[in-house]
Amino acid sequence: MNLDSRLSSVLHLLLHLMESRQAIPSGRLATAMNSNPVVVRRTMAGLRDAGLVTSEKGHGGGWRLACDPARTTLLDVYRALGSPTLFAVGNRSQSPTCLIEQAVNAALDDTLREAGALIAARLQTLTLAALARDFESRRHLSLCAPQENTHAL
């Protein structure tokens, strides 16, 4: 099953942007994500349209965080990505004539709607600043450990 990892990837990039005082070019962000600069630019464009990041062209250009990390929730980021589908589970047919399949669809639709609402509610409680604090805590702990598990841009 193919998973949509855009939310995870974008949150990763946003934390890098939070740490940087300078704009970060798409190429450097792509290297951090083991991706392609074109994919990064396409993805980041949606975040720019939502006001979460800005872009600067030319030498020394790149991406910068444009939002307040303390007020920007993971739900904001998820929505800026176009609210990708959360589940790989779905109905076999959208308009079945079979009464059994209608009952199955109703049960699945209700369950997926409730699960989606729970996920959205949780994403609304998490901010970019909270992720950054968690990262800093992990970085501090890793300084005490024999090896560090972070990468620099």
N, C-alpha and C. Protein backbone atom coordinates (compact mmCIF):
# COMPACT_ATOMS: atom_id res chain seq x y z
N MET A 1 0.84 -1.17 0.00
CA MET A 1 0.00 0.00 0.00
C MET A 1 0.89 1.24 0.00
N ASN A 2 0.60 2.17 -0.87
CA ASN A 2 1.34 3.42 -0.92
C ASN A 2 0.75 4.40 0.09
N LEU A 3 1.59 4.94 0.92
CA LEU A 3 1.16 5.93 1.90
C LEU A 3 1.49 7.32 1.39
N ASP A 4 0.65 8.27 1.72
CA ASP A 4 0.88 9.67 1.37
C ASP A 4 1.70 10.28 2.52
N SER A 5 2.96 10.51 2.28
CA SER A 5 3.85 11.01 3.34
C SER A 5 4.09 12.52 3.23
N ARG A 6 3.27 13.22 2.44
CA ARG A 6 3.50 14.65 2.26
C ARG A 6 3.42 15.43 3.57
N LEU A 7 2.45 15.13 4.44
CA LEU A 7 2.33 15.87 5.69
C LEU A 7 3.59 15.69 6.53
N SER A 8 4.03 14.47 6.67
CA SER A 8 5.24 14.20 7.43
C SER A 8 6.44 14.93 6.82
N SER A 9 6.56 14.84 5.50
CA SER A 9 7.69 15.49 4.82
C SER A 9 7.66 17.00 4.98
N VAL A 10 6.50 17.59 4.82
CA VAL A 10 6.39 19.05 4.92
C VAL A 10 6.65 19.52 6.34
N LEU A 11 6.17 18.79 7.32
CA LEU A 11 6.45 19.17 8.70
C LEU A 11 7.95 19.13 8.96
N HIS A 12 8.62 18.14 8.42
CA HIS A 12 10.08 18.03 8.51
C HIS A 12 10.74 19.29 7.92
N LEU A 13 10.30 19.66 6.72
CA LEU A 13 10.88 20.84 6.06
C LEU A 13 10.59 22.11 6.84
N LEU A 14 9.39 22.24 7.37
CA LEU A 14 9.04 23.44 8.13
C LEU A 14 9.90 23.59 9.38
N LEU A 15 10.23 22.48 10.02
CA LEU A 15 11.10 22.57 11.18
C LEU A 15 12.51 23.01 10.78
N HIS A 16 12.97 22.55 9.62
CA HIS A 16 14.26 23.04 9.12
C HIS A 16 14.18 24.55 8.87
N LEU A 17 13.10 25.00 8.27
CA LEU A 17 12.94 26.43 8.01
C LEU A 17 12.89 27.23 9.31
N MET A 18 12.28 26.66 10.34
CA MET A 18 12.21 27.35 11.63
C MET A 18 13.60 27.57 12.21
N GLU A 19 14.50 26.63 11.97
CA GLU A 19 15.85 26.73 12.53
C GLU A 19 16.76 27.67 11.75
N SER A 20 16.41 27.95 10.52
CA SER A 20 17.30 28.70 9.64
C SER A 20 17.01 30.20 9.67
N ARG A 21 18.06 30.98 9.72
CA ARG A 21 17.91 32.44 9.63
C ARG A 21 17.93 32.90 8.17
N GLN A 22 18.35 32.01 7.29
CA GLN A 22 18.44 32.34 5.87
C GLN A 22 17.46 31.49 5.08
N ALA A 23 17.12 31.96 3.89
CA ALA A 23 16.28 31.18 2.99
C ALA A 23 17.00 29.89 2.62
N ILE A 24 16.25 28.83 2.50
CA ILE A 24 16.83 27.53 2.14
C ILE A 24 16.36 27.17 0.74
N PRO A 25 17.29 26.96 -0.18
CA PRO A 25 16.92 26.61 -1.56
C PRO A 25 16.22 25.25 -1.64
N SER A 26 15.40 25.09 -2.66
CA SER A 26 14.67 23.84 -2.88
C SER A 26 15.60 22.65 -2.97
N GLY A 27 16.76 22.84 -3.57
CA GLY A 27 17.72 21.74 -3.70
C GLY A 27 18.18 21.21 -2.36
N ARG A 28 18.44 22.11 -1.43
CA ARG A 28 18.88 21.67 -0.09
C ARG A 28 17.75 20.99 0.65
N LEU A 29 16.54 21.52 0.51
CA LEU A 29 15.39 20.88 1.14
C LEU A 29 15.16 19.49 0.54
N ALA A 30 15.31 19.40 -0.77
CA ALA A 30 15.12 18.11 -1.45
C ALA A 30 16.15 17.09 -0.97
N THR A 31 17.38 17.52 -0.76
CA THR A 31 18.42 16.62 -0.27
C THR A 31 18.04 16.08 1.11
N ALA A 32 17.51 16.95 1.97
CA ALA A 32 17.10 16.52 3.31
C ALA A 32 15.98 15.49 3.25
N MET A 33 15.16 15.57 2.22
CA MET A 33 14.02 14.67 2.09
C MET A 33 14.29 13.52 1.13
N ASN A 34 15.49 13.46 0.59
CA ASN A 34 15.81 12.45 -0.41
C ASN A 34 14.77 12.50 -1.53
N SER A 35 14.57 13.70 -2.03
CA SER A 35 13.53 13.95 -3.02
C SER A 35 14.12 14.77 -4.16
N ASN A 36 13.24 15.34 -4.96
CA ASN A 36 13.62 16.13 -6.11
C ASN A 36 13.24 17.59 -5.87
N PRO A 37 14.08 18.55 -6.25
CA PRO A 37 13.75 19.97 -6.03
C PRO A 37 12.42 20.39 -6.67
N VAL A 38 12.07 19.79 -7.79
CA VAL A 38 10.80 20.13 -8.45
C VAL A 38 9.63 19.71 -7.57
N VAL A 39 9.73 18.54 -6.95
CA VAL A 39 8.67 18.07 -6.05
C VAL A 39 8.57 19.00 -4.84
N VAL A 40 9.72 19.41 -4.31
CA VAL A 40 9.73 20.33 -3.17
C VAL A 40 9.08 21.64 -3.56
N ARG A 41 9.44 22.20 -4.71
CA ARG A 41 8.86 23.48 -5.15
C ARG A 41 7.34 23.37 -5.32
N ARG A 42 6.90 22.28 -5.92
CA ARG A 42 5.46 22.08 -6.14
C ARG A 42 4.72 21.99 -4.81
N THR A 43 5.27 21.25 -3.88
CA THR A 43 4.64 21.08 -2.57
C THR A 43 4.67 22.39 -1.79
N MET A 44 5.81 23.05 -1.80
CA MET A 44 5.95 24.29 -1.04
C MET A 44 5.09 25.41 -1.62
N ALA A 45 4.79 25.35 -2.90
CA ALA A 45 3.94 26.38 -3.51
C ALA A 45 2.56 26.40 -2.85
N GLY A 46 2.03 25.23 -2.51
CA GLY A 46 0.75 25.18 -1.81
C GLY A 46 0.83 25.80 -0.43
N LEU A 47 1.97 25.62 0.23
CA LEU A 47 2.17 26.24 1.55
C LEU A 47 2.33 27.74 1.42
N ARG A 48 2.97 28.17 0.34
CA ARG A 48 3.12 29.61 0.09
C ARG A 48 1.74 30.23 -0.15
N ASP A 49 0.91 29.56 -0.94
CA ASP A 49 -0.44 30.06 -1.20
C ASP A 49 -1.26 30.19 0.08
N ALA A 50 -0.97 29.32 1.05
CA ALA A 50 -1.68 29.36 2.33
C ALA A 50 -1.04 30.33 3.32
N GLY A 51 0.06 30.98 2.92
CA GLY A 51 0.72 31.96 3.79
C GLY A 51 1.63 31.36 4.84
N LEU A 52 1.97 30.08 4.71
CA LEU A 52 2.83 29.45 5.70
C LEU A 52 4.32 29.69 5.42
N VAL A 53 4.68 29.84 4.15
CA VAL A 53 6.07 30.08 3.76
C VAL A 53 6.10 31.17 2.69
N THR A 54 7.28 31.73 2.48
CA THR A 54 7.51 32.65 1.37
C THR A 54 8.69 32.10 0.57
N SER A 55 8.78 32.58 -0.65
CA SER A 55 9.91 32.15 -1.49
C SER A 55 10.61 33.39 -2.03
N GLU A 56 11.90 33.24 -2.19
CA GLU A 56 12.72 34.31 -2.75
C GLU A 56 13.48 33.74 -3.94
N LYS A 57 13.47 34.46 -5.04
CA LYS A 57 14.16 34.00 -6.25
C LYS A 57 15.59 34.52 -6.28
N GLY A 58 16.38 33.89 -7.13
CA GLY A 58 17.74 34.37 -7.37
C GLY A 58 18.76 33.81 -6.41
N HIS A 59 19.99 34.33 -6.57
CA HIS A 59 21.11 33.91 -5.73
C HIS A 59 20.78 34.21 -4.27
N GLY A 60 20.94 33.24 -3.41
CA GLY A 60 20.63 33.42 -2.00
C GLY A 60 19.15 33.26 -1.70
N GLY A 61 18.39 32.91 -2.73
CA GLY A 61 16.95 32.74 -2.55
C GLY A 61 16.61 31.37 -1.99
N GLY A 62 15.34 31.15 -1.84
CA GLY A 62 14.86 29.88 -1.31
C GLY A 62 13.58 30.10 -0.54
N TRP A 63 13.35 29.25 0.43
CA TRP A 63 12.12 29.24 1.21
C TRP A 63 12.36 29.72 2.62
N ARG A 64 11.40 30.47 3.15
CA ARG A 64 11.43 30.94 4.54
C ARG A 64 10.08 30.69 5.18
N LEU A 65 10.10 30.48 6.47
CA LEU A 65 8.86 30.35 7.22
C LEU A 65 8.19 31.72 7.28
N ALA A 66 6.89 31.78 7.04
CA ALA A 66 6.16 33.05 7.05
C ALA A 66 5.08 33.09 8.12
N CYS A 67 4.90 32.00 8.83
CA CYS A 67 3.83 31.93 9.82
C CYS A 67 4.41 31.92 11.24
N ASP A 68 3.54 32.13 12.20
CA ASP A 68 3.92 32.06 13.60
C ASP A 68 3.84 30.60 14.04
N PRO A 69 4.97 29.97 14.36
CA PRO A 69 4.95 28.55 14.74
C PRO A 69 4.09 28.25 15.96
N ALA A 70 3.94 29.22 16.85
CA ALA A 70 3.13 29.00 18.05
C ALA A 70 1.64 28.98 17.73
N ARG A 71 1.27 29.56 16.61
CA ARG A 71 -0.15 29.63 16.23
C ARG A 71 -0.51 28.73 15.05
N THR A 72 0.49 28.19 14.39
CA THR A 72 0.25 27.35 13.21
C THR A 72 0.13 25.91 13.64
N THR A 73 -1.04 25.33 13.39
CA THR A 73 -1.28 23.95 13.80
C THR A 73 -0.96 22.98 12.66
N LEU A 74 -0.83 21.74 13.05
CA LEU A 74 -0.62 20.70 12.04
C LEU A 74 -1.84 20.59 11.12
N LEU A 75 -3.01 20.95 11.65
CA LEU A 75 -4.21 20.96 10.82
C LEU A 75 -4.11 22.04 9.74
N ASP A 76 -3.52 23.19 10.08
CA ASP A 76 -3.30 24.25 9.09
C ASP A 76 -2.42 23.73 7.95
N VAL A 77 -1.37 23.01 8.32
CA VAL A 77 -0.44 22.47 7.32
C VAL A 77 -1.15 21.40 6.48
N TYR A 78 -1.88 20.54 7.14
CA TYR A 78 -2.63 19.49 6.45
C TYR A 78 -3.59 20.11 5.42
N ARG A 79 -4.29 21.14 5.82
CA ARG A 79 -5.22 21.80 4.90
C ARG A 79 -4.48 22.50 3.76
N ALA A 80 -3.31 23.07 4.05
CA ALA A 80 -2.52 23.72 3.00
C ALA A 80 -2.05 22.71 1.96
N LEU A 81 -1.96 21.45 2.34
CA LEU A 81 -1.59 20.39 1.41
C LEU A 81 -2.80 19.90 0.60
N GLY A 82 -3.96 20.48 0.86
CA GLY A 82 -5.16 20.08 0.14
C GLY A 82 -5.96 19.00 0.85
N SER A 83 -5.72 18.82 2.14
CA SER A 83 -6.42 17.82 2.95
C SER A 83 -6.39 16.43 2.30
N PRO A 84 -5.19 15.86 2.15
CA PRO A 84 -5.10 14.55 1.51
C PRO A 84 -5.91 13.48 2.25
N THR A 85 -6.31 12.47 1.52
CA THR A 85 -7.08 11.37 2.09
C THR A 85 -6.31 10.74 3.25
N LEU A 86 -7.02 10.53 4.34
CA LEU A 86 -6.37 10.00 5.54
C LEU A 86 -6.31 8.48 5.56
N PHE A 87 -7.23 7.83 4.89
CA PHE A 87 -7.33 6.38 4.99
C PHE A 87 -7.29 5.72 3.62
N ALA A 88 -6.74 4.53 3.59
CA ALA A 88 -6.71 3.76 2.35
C ALA A 88 -7.96 2.90 2.22
N VAL A 89 -8.78 2.89 3.25
CA VAL A 89 -10.02 2.11 3.25
C VAL A 89 -11.10 2.91 2.55
N GLY A 90 -11.90 2.24 1.75
CA GLY A 90 -13.00 2.93 1.08
C GLY A 90 -14.07 1.95 0.64
N ASN A 91 -15.13 2.48 0.10
CA ASN A 91 -16.24 1.65 -0.36
C ASN A 91 -15.93 1.07 -1.73
N ARG A 92 -16.46 -0.13 -1.94
CA ARG A 92 -16.29 -0.81 -3.22
C ARG A 92 -17.02 -0.07 -4.32
N SER A 93 -18.18 0.48 -3.98
CA SER A 93 -19.00 1.21 -4.94
C SER A 93 -19.65 2.38 -4.21
N GLN A 94 -19.73 3.52 -4.85
CA GLN A 94 -20.30 4.70 -4.19
C GLN A 94 -21.83 4.73 -4.22
N SER A 95 -22.43 4.12 -5.19
CA SER A 95 -23.89 4.11 -5.30
C SER A 95 -24.39 2.69 -5.55
N PRO A 96 -24.28 1.83 -4.55
CA PRO A 96 -24.68 0.45 -4.77
C PRO A 96 -26.21 0.29 -4.80
N THR A 97 -26.65 -0.68 -5.57
CA THR A 97 -28.08 -1.03 -5.57
C THR A 97 -28.36 -2.15 -4.58
N CYS A 98 -27.33 -2.88 -4.20
CA CYS A 98 -27.46 -3.98 -3.25
C CYS A 98 -27.67 -3.42 -1.84
N LEU A 99 -28.70 -3.86 -1.14
CA LEU A 99 -29.00 -3.36 0.20
C LEU A 99 -27.91 -3.73 1.20
N ILE A 100 -27.28 -4.89 1.02
CA ILE A 100 -26.18 -5.28 1.91
C ILE A 100 -25.03 -4.30 1.75
N GLU A 101 -24.68 -3.99 0.49
CA GLU A 101 -23.58 -3.06 0.25
C GLU A 101 -23.92 -1.66 0.75
N GLN A 102 -25.18 -1.27 0.68
CA GLN A 102 -25.59 0.03 1.22
C GLN A 102 -25.36 0.08 2.73
N ALA A 103 -25.67 -1.03 3.42
CA ALA A 103 -25.45 -1.10 4.86
C ALA A 103 -23.97 -1.04 5.19
N VAL A 104 -23.16 -1.76 4.41
CA VAL A 104 -21.71 -1.74 4.60
C VAL A 104 -21.18 -0.32 4.38
N ASN A 105 -21.60 0.32 3.30
CA ASN A 105 -21.15 1.68 3.00
C ASN A 105 -21.51 2.65 4.13
N ALA A 106 -22.72 2.54 4.64
CA ALA A 106 -23.15 3.44 5.71
C ALA A 106 -22.27 3.27 6.95
N ALA A 107 -21.99 2.02 7.29
CA ALA A 107 -21.15 1.76 8.47
C ALA A 107 -19.73 2.29 8.26
N LEU A 108 -19.16 2.02 7.10
CA LEU A 108 -17.81 2.50 6.82
C LEU A 108 -17.75 4.01 6.73
N ASP A 109 -18.72 4.61 6.05
CA ASP A 109 -18.73 6.07 5.92
C ASP A 109 -18.78 6.75 7.29
N ASP A 110 -19.67 6.26 8.16
CA ASP A 110 -19.78 6.85 9.50
C ASP A 110 -18.49 6.68 10.29
N THR A 111 -17.92 5.49 10.23
CA THR A 111 -16.69 5.21 10.97
C THR A 111 -15.53 6.06 10.47
N LEU A 112 -15.36 6.15 9.16
CA LEU A 112 -14.27 6.95 8.60
C LEU A 112 -14.47 8.44 8.87
N ARG A 113 -15.70 8.90 8.84
CA ARG A 113 -15.98 10.30 9.13
C ARG A 113 -15.62 10.62 10.59
N GLU A 114 -16.02 9.72 11.51
CA GLU A 114 -15.69 9.92 12.93
C GLU A 114 -14.18 9.87 13.17
N ALA A 115 -13.51 8.92 12.54
CA ALA A 115 -12.05 8.80 12.70
C ALA A 115 -11.36 10.04 12.13
N GLY A 116 -11.81 10.52 10.99
CA GLY A 116 -11.25 11.74 10.40
C GLY A 116 -11.42 12.94 11.31
N ALA A 117 -12.59 13.04 11.94
CA ALA A 117 -12.84 14.15 12.86
C ALA A 117 -11.91 14.08 14.07
N LEU A 118 -11.66 12.88 14.57
CA LEU A 118 -10.73 12.72 15.70
C LEU A 118 -9.31 13.13 15.31
N ILE A 119 -8.89 12.72 14.13
CA ILE A 119 -7.55 13.09 13.67
C ILE A 119 -7.44 14.60 13.48
N ALA A 120 -8.45 15.20 12.86
CA ALA A 120 -8.43 16.66 12.67
C ALA A 120 -8.39 17.38 14.02
N ALA A 121 -9.15 16.90 14.99
CA ALA A 121 -9.16 17.53 16.31
C ALA A 121 -7.77 17.44 16.95
N ARG A 122 -7.12 16.32 16.80
CA ARG A 122 -5.77 16.15 17.37
C ARG A 122 -4.76 17.04 16.65
N LEU A 123 -4.83 17.09 15.33
CA LEU A 123 -3.91 17.95 14.55
C LEU A 123 -4.10 19.42 14.93
N GLN A 124 -5.32 19.79 15.30
CA GLN A 124 -5.61 21.18 15.69
C GLN A 124 -4.93 21.53 17.01
N THR A 125 -4.63 20.54 17.84
CA THR A 125 -4.01 20.81 19.15
C THR A 125 -2.49 20.89 19.08
N LEU A 126 -1.91 20.45 17.97
CA LEU A 126 -0.45 20.41 17.84
C LEU A 126 0.02 21.57 16.99
N THR A 127 1.03 22.28 17.46
CA THR A 127 1.58 23.41 16.71
C THR A 127 2.99 23.09 16.22
N LEU A 128 3.43 23.90 15.27
CA LEU A 128 4.82 23.77 14.82
C LEU A 128 5.77 24.03 15.98
N ALA A 129 5.44 24.96 16.84
CA ALA A 129 6.30 25.25 17.99
C ALA A 129 6.40 24.04 18.92
N ALA A 130 5.31 23.30 19.10
CA ALA A 130 5.34 22.10 19.93
C ALA A 130 6.25 21.04 19.31
N LEU A 131 6.19 20.91 17.98
CA LEU A 131 7.10 19.97 17.30
C LEU A 131 8.55 20.39 17.50
N ALA A 132 8.79 21.69 17.39
CA ALA A 132 10.16 22.20 17.57
C ALA A 132 10.66 21.93 18.98
N ARG A 133 9.79 22.12 19.98
CA ARG A 133 10.19 21.82 21.36
C ARG A 133 10.53 20.34 21.53
N ASP A 134 9.72 19.49 20.93
CA ASP A 134 10.00 18.05 21.01
C ASP A 134 11.34 17.73 20.35
N PHE A 135 11.58 18.33 19.20
CA PHE A 135 12.86 18.13 18.51
C PHE A 135 14.02 18.59 19.38
N GLU A 136 13.89 19.77 19.98
CA GLU A 136 14.97 20.30 20.83
C GLU A 136 15.22 19.38 22.02
N SER A 137 14.17 18.86 22.59
CA SER A 137 14.31 17.93 23.70
C SER A 137 15.06 16.67 23.25
N ARG A 138 14.71 16.17 22.09
CA ARG A 138 15.38 14.98 21.55
C ARG A 138 16.84 15.28 21.22
N ARG A 139 17.08 16.48 20.69
CA ARG A 139 18.46 16.85 20.36
C ARG A 139 19.29 16.93 21.63
N HIS A 140 18.72 17.52 22.67
CA HIS A 140 19.44 17.63 23.94
C HIS A 140 19.77 16.24 24.49
N LEU A 141 18.79 15.33 24.43
CA LEU A 141 19.03 13.97 24.91
C LEU A 141 20.08 13.25 24.07
N SER A 142 20.08 13.53 22.77
CA SER A 142 21.03 12.84 21.89
C SER A 142 22.46 13.34 22.11
N LEU A 143 22.59 14.56 22.64
CA LEU A 143 23.93 15.06 22.94
C LEU A 143 24.56 14.26 24.07
N CYS A 144 23.72 13.67 24.89
CA CYS A 144 24.21 12.83 25.98
C CYS A 144 24.46 11.40 25.50
N ALA A 145 23.89 11.04 24.37
CA ALA A 145 24.01 9.68 23.84
C ALA A 145 25.25 9.59 22.96
N PRO A 146 25.71 8.38 22.65
CA PRO A 146 26.92 8.21 21.86
C PRO A 146 26.82 8.73 20.42
N GLN A 147 25.62 8.73 19.82
CA GLN A 147 25.52 9.20 18.44
C GLN A 147 24.29 10.09 18.27
N GLU A 148 24.39 11.02 17.38
CA GLU A 148 23.30 11.96 17.12
C GLU A 148 22.53 11.49 15.88
N ASN A 149 21.21 11.56 15.93
CA ASN A 149 20.37 11.10 14.84
C ASN A 149 19.66 12.26 14.15
N THR A 150 20.37 13.33 13.89
CA THR A 150 19.79 14.46 13.13
C THR A 150 20.66 14.70 11.92
N HIS A 151 20.12 15.41 10.98
CA HIS A 151 20.90 15.81 9.82
C HIS A 151 20.81 17.32 9.67
N ALA A 152 21.83 17.90 9.14
CA ALA A 152 21.87 19.34 8.94
C ALA A 152 21.63 19.64 7.48
N LEU A 153 21.10 20.81 7.22
CA LEU A 153 20.90 21.24 5.84
C LEU A 153 22.09 22.01 5.37
